[in-house]
Amino acid sequence: LEHRGIGDKFFSLSLGQGQGPIAERMLEDGMKQGHWVFLANCHLCISWMQELEKRVAELPTRNPHADFRMWLSSAPTPKFPMSILQVGLKMTTEPPRGLKPNLTRLYNKFTEKQFERSVKPTKYKKMVFELCYFHATLLERRKFKNLGWNIPYDFNDSDFDICEDVLLLYVDNYEATPWEAIRYLIGEANYGGRVTDAWDRRLLNTYLDTWYNEAIFETDNFKMSSLSTYYIPDDGPLQSYKDYIQQLPNFDMPEAFGQHGNADIASQIEDTIELLESVLMMQPRVAGGGGLTREEQVDNTAKDLLDQVPHPINLEETMKAKMDDQSALHVVLFQEIERYNIMLGGVRKQLTELRKAVKGFVVMTADLDDIFSCLFDGRIPPSWIKGYPSLKPLAAWARDLVERMKQFVDWKETTYPVVYNMGYFTFPTGFLTAVLQTVARKNSVPIDILSWDFVINTTEIKEITQPPKDGVYIGGMYLEGAGWEPDLCCLQEPLAMELNLVMPVINFKPTEGKKKGAKGIYPCPCYYYPVRTGTRERPSYMITVDIKSGKVEADHWIKRGTALLLSLAM
């Protein structure tokens, strides 16, 4: 700006609460005196965007100074005015895609003097290469969606720069490399400071434990992944590292990040579904030609759903039938029936009202119009999934709802299920707590000292006719990010296109004084549905299930993002 001679005419403001009037004055002065005005962080001042939209629309009639320029910056938000985007020039800034471009960009930040500034150059250069690879890996894992990160994080160059200074400080000032301190500062204080999910933090620290240890100095060309292509190059000048990076492949295999090829397939399927949903939303809403009209199609769908959706269960009748057994599990049954009854009653009422509105008997309200659009597109109306979250399309959701209610109807009419489907509970954590309470009362021990033991049952679910001696049998869980070895009851590499599979029945057995951190065990997180973060009100994480890790260590499955799911998106 100084070079262009406008340094004294450039004014910037970071928008936020109460900054609207100040921005208005800056724009007024800028239009009169020919200033450059930069308004940053528009996404933090959405309430003022309508006023800004008006001012932009008025610009041609205001005859602003010829030198006047207005710059805006914003994070992506659907509430940013479309008219401003249409009349302005648009630029986006984001890191390049791929390991090779990211490594190239990071090494281009170094000067020869900066690269050679350490008093222990060999150590420093190896650790800097690992830091570059670490930074690029964290960015690239986002393409794997839920198998990459539970929450996508915006790691940036400031994280890298601070950690690079930390490496220089600790390498030069300590005779023995303080690995624990370095891992802590990188994984907890700097990069880890952005990470809010405990399972994402575990992944980040797993990478650091693998790469930041004495083995990188003791092993020539220390391998950064299972692929022979990625390793720490021989010591040399800055250009030698750049030359090594240039010979890396342009397309990254998932194994470069510790992932499996199926992770690429899963993310591409998800991208395709999002694209098709966007295309579906843009299709004409007026039917043309022959066939059923849009209203007739929705009316038929509503009629079919009314035939499918179960009627509410009689709660009072259920409570009377179970009066002789006031167990904690029966309390959970009553709570679940009550929640489902509220949801079922609402769904059936809205479907009935919608059919009347389509035929012109009642007014088509905004809520009914939203449900109309969802049924036409084959989506679940948002008001229907307040009882429990689901990513299923409408038809699959309806079939799943029937199966859910069947578990509770059978439980009401007979006795405790032999095998519970934990995904059918609206709050599975409440069910698990009830199991612990039942065992605690039976054995006269405090519930606080109980933990879980998990025993894989090799019997087919149809052949299980009796409940376990201790705890409960849980079925209907899905394994994502790994395969299953039925003979050894452990994890194994999945087959191609084996994106998820049905887990065997597991005996959830409350136990006292369970040993933690056993070797050869992978602590596998279990989620309610594929969105692993869930929402603030309804977290998706349910429980950690200990599973044998098989021929590899648990770190292998941590990098794979292996998890159990109680329901799928299909």
Protein backbone atom coordinates (compact mmCIF):
# COMPACT_ATOMS: atom_id res chain seq x y z
CA LEU A 1 0.00 0.00 0.00
CA GLU A 2 2.87 2.38 0.78
CA HIS A 3 4.34 1.54 -2.62
CA ARG A 4 1.08 2.56 -4.29
CA GLY A 5 0.99 5.80 -2.33
CA ILE A 6 -2.23 5.05 -0.46
CA GLY A 7 -0.87 4.08 2.94
CA ASP A 8 -2.49 7.10 4.62
CA LYS A 9 -5.78 6.45 2.81
CA PHE A 10 -6.22 2.85 3.93
CA PHE A 11 -8.59 2.22 6.85
CA SER A 12 -9.56 -1.15 8.28
CA LEU A 13 -12.06 -2.33 10.89
CA SER A 14 -12.72 -5.75 12.40
CA LEU A 15 -16.48 -6.10 12.55
CA GLY A 16 -18.32 -7.39 15.57
CA GLN A 17 -20.97 -6.37 18.05
CA GLY A 18 -21.54 -2.59 18.00
CA GLN A 19 -19.14 -1.94 15.11
CA GLY A 20 -21.87 -1.14 12.54
CA PRO A 21 -22.04 2.67 13.16
CA ILE A 22 -18.24 2.95 13.02
CA ALA A 23 -18.18 1.08 9.70
CA GLU A 24 -20.88 3.38 8.33
CA ARG A 25 -18.79 6.46 9.16
CA MET A 26 -15.72 4.91 7.53
CA LEU A 27 -17.70 4.19 4.35
CA GLU A 28 -19.12 7.73 4.27
CA ASP A 29 -15.65 9.27 4.62
CA GLY A 30 -14.21 6.81 2.11
CA MET A 31 -16.78 7.61 -0.57
CA LYS A 32 -16.17 11.35 -0.15
CA GLN A 33 -12.36 11.37 0.19
CA GLY A 34 -11.38 8.32 -1.90
CA HIS A 35 -10.21 6.02 0.90
CA TRP A 36 -9.70 2.28 0.75
CA VAL A 37 -11.96 0.73 3.42
CA PHE A 38 -11.38 -2.85 4.58
CA LEU A 39 -14.17 -4.41 6.70
CA ALA A 40 -12.96 -7.70 8.14
CA ASN A 41 -14.89 -10.62 9.67
CA CYS A 42 -18.30 -9.84 8.16
CA HIS A 43 -19.55 -13.20 9.46
CA LEU A 44 -19.31 -11.81 13.01
CA CYS A 45 -21.68 -8.94 12.25
CA ILE A 46 -24.52 -10.60 10.35
CA SER A 47 -27.11 -8.24 11.86
CA TRP A 48 -25.47 -5.29 10.06
CA MET A 49 -25.19 -7.04 6.69
CA GLN A 50 -28.63 -5.86 5.56
CA GLU A 51 -27.55 -2.25 6.07
CA LEU A 52 -24.33 -2.91 4.16
CA GLU A 53 -26.37 -4.50 1.36
CA LYS A 54 -28.42 -1.30 1.06
CA ARG A 55 -25.30 0.86 0.92
CA VAL A 56 -23.76 -1.30 -1.80
CA ALA A 57 -26.98 -1.05 -3.81
CA GLU A 58 -26.90 2.77 -3.46
CA LEU A 59 -23.28 3.13 -4.63
CA PRO A 60 -24.06 3.91 -8.31
CA THR A 61 -26.41 6.74 -7.30
CA ARG A 62 -24.03 8.21 -4.70
CA ASN A 63 -21.26 8.98 -7.23
CA PRO A 64 -18.40 7.99 -4.88
CA HIS A 65 -14.83 9.28 -5.30
CA ALA A 66 -13.00 7.60 -8.18
CA ASP A 67 -10.31 6.25 -5.80
CA PHE A 68 -12.80 4.75 -3.33
CA ARG A 69 -12.48 0.98 -2.82
CA MET A 70 -14.26 -1.30 -0.38
CA TRP A 71 -12.78 -4.65 0.68
CA LEU A 72 -14.69 -7.28 2.67
CA SER A 73 -13.54 -10.50 4.32
CA SER A 74 -15.74 -13.22 5.75
CA ALA A 75 -15.73 -16.86 6.72
CA PRO A 76 -18.23 -18.94 4.70
CA THR A 77 -21.77 -18.27 5.91
CA PRO A 78 -25.14 -18.71 4.16
CA LYS A 79 -26.31 -15.40 5.65
CA PHE A 80 -23.85 -13.24 3.69
CA PRO A 81 -25.87 -11.05 1.24
CA MET A 82 -26.00 -12.64 -2.20
CA SER A 83 -26.33 -9.26 -3.97
CA ILE A 84 -22.93 -8.12 -2.64
CA LEU A 85 -21.31 -11.30 -3.95
CA GLN A 86 -22.91 -10.77 -7.36
CA VAL A 87 -21.61 -7.21 -7.86
CA GLY A 88 -18.14 -7.67 -6.33
CA LEU A 89 -14.91 -9.38 -7.30
CA LYS A 90 -14.40 -12.55 -5.27
CA MET A 91 -11.20 -14.15 -3.99
CA THR A 92 -10.77 -17.20 -1.78
CA THR A 93 -7.78 -18.22 0.32
CA GLU A 94 -7.30 -21.82 1.39
CA PRO A 95 -4.36 -24.20 1.68
CA PRO A 96 -3.47 -26.27 -1.38
CA ARG A 97 -4.80 -29.82 -1.67
CA GLY A 98 -2.36 -32.71 -1.32
CA LEU A 99 0.79 -33.57 0.62
CA LYS A 100 3.15 -32.47 -2.12
CA PRO A 101 1.71 -28.94 -2.59
CA ASN A 102 1.48 -28.43 1.18
CA LEU A 103 5.07 -29.54 1.79
CA THR A 104 6.23 -27.37 -1.11
CA ARG A 105 4.43 -24.33 0.31
CA LEU A 106 5.87 -24.83 3.79
CA TYR A 107 9.45 -25.28 2.55
CA ASN A 108 9.12 -22.18 0.37
CA LYS A 109 8.60 -20.22 3.60
CA PHE A 110 12.21 -20.97 4.63
CA THR A 111 15.25 -18.99 3.56
CA GLU A 112 18.62 -20.72 3.35
CA LYS A 113 19.82 -18.74 6.38
CA GLN A 114 16.77 -19.65 8.44
CA PHE A 115 17.07 -23.32 7.49
CA GLU A 116 20.71 -23.47 8.64
CA ARG A 117 20.37 -21.39 11.83
CA SER A 118 20.38 -24.29 14.31
CA VAL A 119 23.60 -25.30 16.11
CA LYS A 120 22.48 -28.93 15.63
CA PRO A 121 21.39 -28.78 11.98
CA THR A 122 20.98 -32.53 11.39
CA LYS A 123 18.54 -32.94 14.28
CA TYR A 124 16.73 -29.72 13.51
CA LYS A 125 16.19 -30.48 9.80
CA LYS A 126 14.79 -33.94 10.49
CA MET A 127 12.36 -32.60 13.07
CA VAL A 128 11.32 -29.72 10.81
CA PHE A 129 10.55 -32.16 7.99
CA GLU A 130 8.40 -34.15 10.39
CA LEU A 131 6.63 -30.97 11.45
CA CYS A 132 5.91 -30.09 7.81
CA TYR A 133 4.59 -33.59 7.15
CA PHE A 134 2.56 -33.45 10.38
CA HIS A 135 1.00 -30.10 9.40
CA ALA A 136 0.16 -31.32 5.88
CA THR A 137 -1.33 -34.55 7.24
CA LEU A 138 -3.61 -32.71 9.64
CA LEU A 139 -4.92 -30.55 6.81
CA GLU A 140 -5.35 -33.41 4.35
CA ARG A 141 -7.22 -35.69 6.77
CA ARG A 142 -10.23 -33.40 6.41
CA LYS A 143 -10.98 -34.92 3.03
CA PHE A 144 -11.82 -38.22 4.73
CA LYS A 145 -14.82 -36.61 6.49
CA ASN A 146 -15.77 -38.51 9.66
CA LEU A 147 -12.93 -41.00 9.18
CA GLY A 148 -10.49 -38.09 9.18
CA TRP A 149 -11.65 -35.80 11.98
CA ASN A 150 -14.75 -35.72 14.14
CA ILE A 151 -14.57 -31.93 13.78
CA PRO A 152 -12.74 -30.29 10.83
CA TYR A 153 -10.15 -27.84 12.21
CA ASP A 154 -8.64 -24.80 10.52
CA PHE A 155 -4.97 -25.34 11.28
CA ASN A 156 -2.93 -22.50 9.78
CA ASP A 157 0.61 -21.24 9.27
CA SER A 158 0.75 -19.56 12.68
CA ASP A 159 0.47 -23.00 14.31
CA PHE A 160 3.37 -24.19 12.17
CA ASP A 161 5.54 -21.11 12.79
CA ILE A 162 5.18 -21.30 16.57
CA CYS A 163 6.00 -25.02 16.65
CA GLU A 164 9.01 -24.50 14.36
CA ASP A 165 10.36 -21.93 16.85
CA VAL A 166 9.71 -24.41 19.69
CA LEU A 167 11.75 -27.08 17.87
CA LEU A 168 14.68 -24.72 17.36
CA LEU A 169 14.63 -23.65 21.02
CA TYR A 170 14.54 -27.17 22.44
CA VAL A 171 16.99 -28.69 19.97
CA ASP A 172 19.62 -25.99 20.54
CA ASN A 173 19.30 -25.68 24.31
CA TYR A 174 19.12 -29.31 25.42
CA GLU A 175 21.77 -31.97 25.03
CA ALA A 176 19.19 -34.78 25.13
CA THR A 177 16.09 -34.07 23.10
CA PRO A 178 13.13 -33.48 25.51
CA TRP A 179 10.60 -35.45 23.48
CA GLU A 180 7.85 -35.34 26.08
CA ALA A 181 7.99 -31.54 26.34
CA ILE A 182 8.06 -31.14 22.54
CA ARG A 183 5.10 -33.48 22.07
CA TYR A 184 3.17 -31.65 24.76
CA LEU A 185 3.82 -28.17 23.35
CA ILE A 186 2.89 -29.23 19.81
CA GLY A 187 0.05 -31.62 20.58
CA GLU A 188 -1.55 -29.91 23.57
CA ALA A 189 -0.56 -26.23 23.62
CA ASN A 190 -0.29 -25.25 19.94
CA TYR A 191 -2.06 -27.54 17.46
CA GLY A 192 -3.94 -29.19 20.30
CA GLY A 193 -5.22 -25.81 21.44
CA ARG A 194 -7.62 -25.83 18.47
CA VAL A 195 -8.79 -29.40 19.05
CA THR A 196 -11.99 -29.60 21.08
CA ASP A 197 -12.88 -33.28 20.62
CA ALA A 198 -11.18 -35.82 22.89
CA TRP A 199 -10.97 -38.47 20.14
CA ASP A 200 -9.41 -35.97 17.72
CA ARG A 201 -6.86 -35.11 20.38
CA ARG A 202 -6.05 -38.80 20.73
CA LEU A 203 -5.42 -39.00 16.97
CA LEU A 204 -3.19 -35.92 16.97
CA ASN A 205 -1.10 -37.25 19.85
CA THR A 206 -0.84 -40.65 18.17
CA TYR A 207 0.88 -39.04 15.17
CA LEU A 208 3.26 -37.20 17.49
CA ASP A 209 4.08 -40.35 19.48
CA THR A 210 4.83 -42.18 16.22
CA TRP A 211 7.04 -39.50 14.69
CA TYR A 212 8.62 -37.55 17.55
CA ASN A 213 10.89 -40.03 19.27
CA GLU A 214 14.51 -41.12 19.21
CA ALA A 215 13.91 -43.54 16.32
CA ILE A 216 14.09 -40.73 13.76
CA PHE A 217 17.79 -40.24 14.60
CA GLU A 218 18.60 -43.93 14.88
CA THR A 219 16.92 -44.98 11.60
CA ASP A 220 18.14 -43.90 8.18
CA ASN A 221 15.34 -42.40 6.07
CA PHE A 222 12.76 -42.88 8.83
CA LYS A 223 9.44 -43.85 7.18
CA MET A 224 6.54 -41.47 7.72
CA SER A 225 3.91 -44.01 6.68
CA SER A 226 3.53 -47.61 5.58
CA LEU A 227 4.37 -46.48 2.02
CA SER A 228 8.04 -46.52 1.06
CA THR A 229 7.62 -43.23 -0.86
CA TYR A 230 7.33 -41.03 2.21
CA TYR A 231 10.41 -40.82 4.44
CA ILE A 232 12.78 -38.28 5.98
CA PRO A 233 15.31 -37.47 3.23
CA ASP A 234 19.07 -37.46 3.76
CA ASP A 235 20.58 -34.43 5.46
CA GLY A 236 21.44 -31.65 3.04
CA PRO A 237 20.78 -28.02 2.07
CA LEU A 238 17.31 -26.56 1.70
CA GLN A 239 17.23 -27.29 -2.02
CA SER A 240 17.78 -31.02 -1.46
CA TYR A 241 14.57 -31.20 0.60
CA LYS A 242 12.69 -29.29 -2.08
CA ASP A 243 14.03 -31.69 -4.72
CA TYR A 244 12.82 -34.67 -2.67
CA ILE A 245 9.36 -33.12 -2.32
CA GLN A 246 9.12 -32.52 -6.07
CA GLN A 247 9.51 -36.24 -6.79
CA LEU A 248 6.60 -37.18 -4.52
CA PRO A 249 3.43 -38.39 -6.29
CA ASN A 250 0.82 -35.80 -7.21
CA PHE A 251 -1.97 -38.05 -5.97
CA ASP A 252 -1.79 -39.11 -2.31
CA MET A 253 -2.64 -42.67 -1.42
CA PRO A 254 -4.76 -42.88 1.76
CA GLU A 255 -2.02 -45.00 3.34
CA ALA A 256 0.19 -41.88 3.41
CA PHE A 257 -1.99 -40.68 6.30
CA GLY A 258 -2.40 -44.08 7.94
CA GLN A 259 -5.78 -44.55 6.25
CA HIS A 260 -7.25 -47.36 4.14
CA GLY A 261 -8.35 -47.07 0.51
CA ASN A 262 -11.96 -47.49 1.64
CA ALA A 263 -11.74 -44.10 3.38
CA ASP A 264 -11.31 -42.43 -0.03
CA ILE A 265 -14.31 -44.33 -1.38
CA ALA A 266 -16.49 -43.41 1.62
CA SER A 267 -15.66 -39.70 1.35
CA GLN A 268 -16.29 -39.69 -2.42
CA ILE A 269 -19.68 -41.38 -1.91
CA GLU A 270 -20.55 -38.72 0.66
CA ASP A 271 -19.48 -35.93 -1.72
CA THR A 272 -21.59 -37.48 -4.49
CA ILE A 273 -24.65 -37.68 -2.24
CA GLU A 274 -24.23 -34.01 -1.29
CA LEU A 275 -23.95 -33.06 -4.96
CA LEU A 276 -27.07 -35.03 -5.92
CA GLU A 277 -29.01 -33.52 -3.02
CA SER A 278 -28.04 -30.05 -4.26
CA VAL A 279 -29.17 -30.93 -7.78
CA LEU A 280 -32.42 -32.30 -6.36
CA MET A 281 -33.06 -29.07 -4.49
CA MET A 282 -32.71 -27.09 -7.75
CA GLN A 283 -35.14 -29.19 -9.79
CA PRO A 284 -38.40 -27.51 -10.94
CA ARG A 285 -41.19 -27.66 -8.38
CA VAL A 286 -43.92 -27.69 -11.03
CA ALA A 287 -44.69 -31.04 -12.65
CA GLY A 288 -44.91 -31.08 -16.43
CA GLY A 289 -46.29 -33.59 -18.88
CA GLY A 290 -48.27 -36.66 -17.90
CA GLY A 291 -48.19 -38.69 -14.71
CA LEU A 292 -49.07 -37.71 -11.15
CA THR A 293 -48.93 -34.10 -10.05
CA ARG A 294 -46.63 -33.03 -7.25
CA GLU A 295 -49.58 -32.82 -4.85
CA GLU A 296 -50.77 -36.32 -5.77
CA GLN A 297 -47.29 -37.76 -5.23
CA VAL A 298 -47.00 -36.17 -1.77
CA ASP A 299 -50.52 -37.25 -0.84
CA ASN A 300 -49.70 -40.85 -1.78
CA THR A 301 -46.47 -40.69 0.24
CA ALA A 302 -48.32 -39.29 3.26
CA LYS A 303 -50.94 -42.04 2.96
CA ASP A 304 -48.26 -44.76 2.79
CA LEU A 305 -46.48 -43.28 5.83
CA LEU A 306 -49.71 -43.20 7.82
CA ASP A 307 -50.12 -46.88 7.05
CA GLN A 308 -46.52 -47.61 8.08
CA VAL A 309 -45.93 -45.40 11.11
CA PRO A 310 -46.97 -47.30 14.26
CA HIS A 311 -49.60 -45.96 16.65
CA PRO A 312 -48.44 -44.78 20.09
CA ILE A 313 -48.09 -47.46 22.78
CA ASN A 314 -50.45 -47.34 25.75
CA LEU A 315 -48.09 -46.16 28.51
CA GLU A 316 -50.51 -46.63 31.42
CA GLU A 317 -51.20 -50.18 30.32
CA THR A 318 -47.46 -50.86 30.12
CA MET A 319 -46.83 -49.45 33.60
CA LYS A 320 -49.58 -51.61 35.08
CA ALA A 321 -48.22 -54.71 33.34
CA LYS A 322 -44.73 -54.11 34.78
CA MET A 323 -45.88 -53.02 38.24
CA ASP A 324 -44.52 -56.16 39.89
CA ASP A 325 -40.98 -55.50 38.64
CA GLN A 326 -39.89 -51.93 39.42
CA SER A 327 -36.41 -52.32 37.94
CA ALA A 328 -34.27 -49.51 36.53
CA LEU A 329 -34.60 -51.08 33.07
CA HIS A 330 -38.37 -50.83 33.22
CA VAL A 331 -38.08 -47.15 34.14
CA VAL A 332 -36.05 -46.74 30.94
CA LEU A 333 -38.78 -48.60 29.03
CA PHE A 334 -41.43 -46.18 30.32
CA GLN A 335 -39.29 -43.16 29.43
CA GLU A 336 -38.61 -44.46 25.93
CA ILE A 337 -42.30 -45.20 25.29
CA GLU A 338 -43.20 -41.70 26.48
CA ARG A 339 -40.68 -40.08 24.11
CA TYR A 340 -41.70 -42.22 21.16
CA ASN A 341 -45.39 -41.56 21.83
CA ILE A 342 -44.79 -37.80 21.62
CA MET A 343 -42.93 -38.23 18.34
CA LEU A 344 -45.41 -40.71 16.82
CA GLY A 345 -48.38 -38.58 17.79
CA GLY A 346 -46.79 -35.51 16.20
CA VAL A 347 -45.86 -37.35 12.99
CA ARG A 348 -49.32 -38.86 12.51
CA LYS A 349 -51.03 -35.54 13.27
CA GLN A 350 -48.87 -33.64 10.77
CA LEU A 351 -49.40 -36.28 8.07
CA THR A 352 -53.16 -36.11 8.56
CA GLU A 353 -53.14 -32.30 8.45
CA LEU A 354 -50.93 -32.35 5.36
CA ARG A 355 -53.34 -34.60 3.47
CA LYS A 356 -56.19 -32.24 4.34
CA ALA A 357 -54.11 -29.20 3.25
CA VAL A 358 -53.21 -30.84 -0.07
CA LYS A 359 -56.89 -31.40 -0.77
CA GLY A 360 -57.78 -27.83 0.22
CA PHE A 361 -59.74 -28.64 3.40
CA VAL A 362 -57.38 -26.67 5.69
CA VAL A 363 -54.82 -23.87 5.22
CA MET A 364 -51.32 -24.93 4.11
CA THR A 365 -49.19 -23.42 6.89
CA ALA A 366 -45.44 -22.75 6.62
CA ASP A 367 -44.70 -25.86 8.71
CA LEU A 368 -46.91 -28.05 6.52
CA ASP A 369 -45.31 -26.57 3.40
CA ASP A 370 -41.85 -27.56 4.72
CA ILE A 371 -43.09 -31.11 5.36
CA PHE A 372 -44.64 -31.14 1.86
CA SER A 373 -41.25 -30.27 0.29
CA CYS A 374 -39.43 -32.88 2.40
CA LEU A 375 -41.84 -35.67 1.45
CA PHE A 376 -41.56 -34.76 -2.23
CA ASP A 377 -37.73 -34.87 -2.00
CA GLY A 378 -37.70 -38.08 0.07
CA ARG A 379 -36.17 -36.37 3.11
CA ILE A 380 -37.11 -36.57 6.80
CA PRO A 381 -38.81 -33.35 7.98
CA PRO A 382 -36.63 -31.74 10.69
CA SER A 383 -39.51 -31.73 13.18
CA TRP A 384 -39.69 -35.53 12.99
CA ILE A 385 -36.13 -36.19 14.12
CA LYS A 386 -36.26 -34.26 17.39
CA GLY A 387 -36.85 -37.57 19.17
CA TYR A 388 -33.59 -39.03 17.87
CA PRO A 389 -31.15 -37.95 15.13
CA SER A 390 -30.99 -39.84 11.83
CA LEU A 391 -29.35 -39.39 8.42
CA LYS A 392 -31.50 -41.99 6.66
CA PRO A 393 -33.67 -41.13 3.66
CA LEU A 394 -37.40 -41.03 4.31
CA ALA A 395 -38.25 -44.59 3.24
CA ALA A 396 -35.40 -46.16 5.24
CA TRP A 397 -36.29 -44.00 8.26
CA ALA A 398 -39.88 -45.25 8.19
CA ARG A 399 -38.77 -48.91 8.05
CA ASP A 400 -36.29 -48.28 10.87
CA LEU A 401 -39.01 -46.66 13.00
CA VAL A 402 -41.17 -49.77 12.65
CA GLU A 403 -38.28 -51.97 13.85
CA ARG A 404 -37.58 -49.62 16.76
CA MET A 405 -41.15 -49.78 17.99
CA LYS A 406 -41.24 -53.57 17.59
CA GLN A 407 -38.49 -53.90 20.24
CA PHE A 408 -40.51 -51.90 22.78
CA VAL A 409 -43.86 -53.52 21.91
CA ASP A 410 -42.33 -57.01 22.38
CA TRP A 411 -40.73 -55.86 25.65
CA LYS A 412 -44.10 -54.52 26.85
CA GLU A 413 -46.03 -57.66 25.95
CA THR A 414 -43.49 -60.27 27.14
CA THR A 415 -40.36 -59.71 29.21
CA TYR A 416 -36.87 -58.28 28.90
CA PRO A 417 -35.35 -58.70 25.41
CA VAL A 418 -32.67 -61.37 25.11
CA VAL A 419 -30.65 -59.14 22.76
CA TYR A 420 -31.09 -55.38 22.93
CA ASN A 421 -30.53 -53.12 19.94
CA MET A 422 -28.96 -50.14 21.69
CA GLY A 423 -29.49 -47.93 18.64
CA TYR A 424 -33.28 -48.21 19.09
CA PHE A 425 -33.14 -46.24 22.35
CA THR A 426 -33.50 -42.47 22.06
CA PHE A 427 -30.99 -42.16 24.94
CA PRO A 428 -28.75 -45.25 25.00
CA THR A 429 -26.64 -43.79 27.82
CA GLY A 430 -29.70 -43.92 30.08
CA PHE A 431 -30.15 -47.59 29.22
CA LEU A 432 -26.50 -48.36 30.01
CA THR A 433 -26.76 -46.56 33.35
CA ALA A 434 -29.85 -48.63 34.18
CA VAL A 435 -27.89 -51.84 33.49
CA LEU A 436 -25.18 -50.66 35.90
CA GLN A 437 -27.81 -49.79 38.52
CA THR A 438 -29.40 -53.22 38.18
CA VAL A 439 -26.07 -54.99 38.78
CA ALA A 440 -25.10 -52.62 41.59
CA ARG A 441 -28.34 -53.35 43.46
CA LYS A 442 -28.05 -57.06 42.82
CA ASN A 443 -24.49 -57.24 44.20
CA SER A 444 -24.96 -54.50 46.83
CA VAL A 445 -22.02 -52.43 45.57
CA PRO A 446 -21.77 -48.71 44.74
CA ILE A 447 -22.45 -47.98 41.07
CA ASP A 448 -19.36 -45.75 40.95
CA ILE A 449 -16.95 -48.67 41.21
CA LEU A 450 -18.47 -50.55 38.27
CA SER A 451 -17.01 -50.40 34.77
CA TRP A 452 -17.63 -52.40 31.60
CA ASP A 453 -16.17 -55.60 30.29
CA PHE A 454 -16.95 -56.55 26.69
CA VAL A 455 -17.21 -60.17 25.59
CA ILE A 456 -17.73 -60.93 21.90
CA ASN A 457 -20.36 -63.64 21.35
CA THR A 458 -19.58 -65.90 18.39
CA THR A 459 -23.12 -67.31 18.23
CA GLU A 460 -25.49 -66.06 15.54
CA ILE A 461 -28.06 -63.64 16.94
CA LYS A 462 -30.96 -65.88 15.90
CA GLU A 463 -29.51 -68.75 17.95
CA ILE A 464 -29.25 -66.75 21.19
CA THR A 465 -32.31 -67.69 23.25
CA GLN A 466 -31.26 -66.87 26.82
CA PRO A 467 -29.90 -63.62 28.32
CA PRO A 468 -26.32 -63.64 29.69
CA LYS A 469 -25.58 -64.47 33.30
CA ASP A 470 -24.22 -60.95 33.87
CA GLY A 471 -25.03 -57.78 31.96
CA VAL A 472 -26.89 -57.64 28.65
CA TYR A 473 -26.43 -58.73 25.05
CA ILE A 474 -26.17 -55.84 22.60
CA GLY A 475 -26.69 -56.36 18.86
CA GLY A 476 -27.24 -54.23 15.79
CA MET A 477 -23.96 -52.31 15.98
CA TYR A 478 -21.89 -51.50 12.88
CA LEU A 479 -18.11 -51.40 12.54
CA GLU A 480 -16.67 -48.57 10.42
CA GLY A 481 -13.06 -48.18 9.35
CA ALA A 482 -11.94 -51.80 9.88
CA GLY A 483 -12.73 -55.42 9.05
CA TRP A 484 -13.58 -58.25 11.45
CA GLU A 485 -11.86 -61.58 12.00
CA PRO A 486 -14.64 -63.87 13.33
CA ASP A 487 -12.39 -66.77 14.35
CA LEU A 488 -10.05 -64.66 16.49
CA CYS A 489 -12.69 -62.08 17.44
CA CYS A 490 -10.44 -59.17 16.58
CA LEU A 491 -10.02 -56.35 14.08
CA GLN A 492 -8.43 -56.93 10.70
CA GLU A 493 -7.95 -55.05 7.42
CA PRO A 494 -11.29 -54.56 5.63
CA LEU A 495 -11.96 -55.86 2.15
CA ALA A 496 -12.20 -53.41 -0.74
CA MET A 497 -15.55 -51.56 -0.63
CA GLU A 498 -16.28 -53.00 2.83
CA LEU A 499 -17.15 -49.60 4.27
CA ASN A 500 -19.02 -50.94 7.30
CA LEU A 501 -20.19 -54.31 8.59
CA VAL A 502 -22.53 -55.69 11.23
CA MET A 503 -20.75 -56.51 14.47
CA PRO A 504 -21.38 -59.78 16.32
CA VAL A 505 -23.47 -59.63 19.48
CA ILE A 506 -21.47 -58.22 22.39
CA ASN A 507 -22.04 -59.02 26.06
CA PHE A 508 -21.85 -55.70 27.95
CA LYS A 509 -20.88 -56.98 31.38
CA PRO A 510 -20.54 -54.67 34.41
CA THR A 511 -17.47 -55.56 36.45
CA GLU A 512 -15.49 -54.32 39.42
CA GLY A 513 -11.84 -53.29 39.26
CA LYS A 514 -11.30 -53.73 35.55
CA LYS A 515 -7.71 -53.31 34.34
CA LYS A 516 -7.27 -50.44 31.91
CA GLY A 517 -4.81 -49.95 29.10
CA ALA A 518 -4.28 -53.63 28.33
CA LYS A 519 -1.90 -54.39 25.46
CA GLY A 520 -3.47 -55.51 22.20
CA ILE A 521 -6.76 -53.74 22.95
CA TYR A 522 -8.21 -50.90 20.88
CA PRO A 523 -10.49 -48.54 22.87
CA CYS A 524 -13.15 -48.11 20.18
CA PRO A 525 -15.56 -45.17 20.47
CA CYS A 526 -19.22 -45.94 19.82
CA TYR A 527 -21.41 -43.27 18.22
CA TYR A 528 -25.18 -42.98 17.88
CA TYR A 529 -25.06 -42.14 14.16
CA PRO A 530 -22.44 -41.28 11.51
CA VAL A 531 -22.14 -37.60 12.53
CA ARG A 532 -19.65 -38.29 15.28
CA THR A 533 -19.83 -34.87 16.94
CA GLY A 534 -23.61 -34.89 17.20
CA THR A 535 -24.98 -31.58 18.50
CA ARG A 536 -24.49 -29.61 21.68
CA GLU A 537 -27.80 -30.92 23.00
CA ARG A 538 -27.34 -34.49 21.72
CA PRO A 539 -23.72 -35.69 21.60
CA SER A 540 -23.23 -38.66 19.32
CA TYR A 541 -20.60 -40.39 21.51
CA MET A 542 -22.12 -43.14 23.66
CA ILE A 543 -19.44 -45.40 25.16
CA THR A 544 -15.95 -46.79 24.58
CA VAL A 545 -15.89 -50.50 23.70
CA ASP A 546 -12.63 -52.43 24.16
CA ILE A 547 -11.89 -54.59 21.11
CA LYS A 548 -8.87 -56.76 20.33
CA SER A 549 -6.65 -54.89 17.85
CA GLY A 550 -5.44 -58.05 16.07
CA LYS A 551 -2.03 -58.19 14.41
CA VAL A 552 -1.35 -54.47 14.77
CA GLU A 553 -1.22 -52.01 17.64
CA ALA A 554 -4.16 -49.81 18.63
CA ASP A 555 -2.42 -46.78 17.03
CA HIS A 556 -3.10 -48.32 13.62
CA TRP A 557 -6.87 -48.18 14.15
CA ILE A 558 -6.73 -44.72 15.71
CA LYS A 559 -5.30 -43.39 12.43
CA ARG A 560 -8.00 -45.30 10.53
CA GLY A 561 -10.74 -43.57 12.51
CA THR A 562 -12.21 -46.97 13.40
CA ALA A 563 -15.46 -46.71 15.37
CA LEU A 564 -18.73 -48.46 16.17
CA LEU A 565 -22.02 -46.95 14.99
CA LEU A 566 -25.50 -47.64 16.31
CA SER A 567 -27.13 -46.60 13.02
CA LEU A 568 -26.10 -45.89 9.44
CA ALA A 569 -27.04 -43.22 6.93
CA MET A 570 -28.88 -45.72 4.70
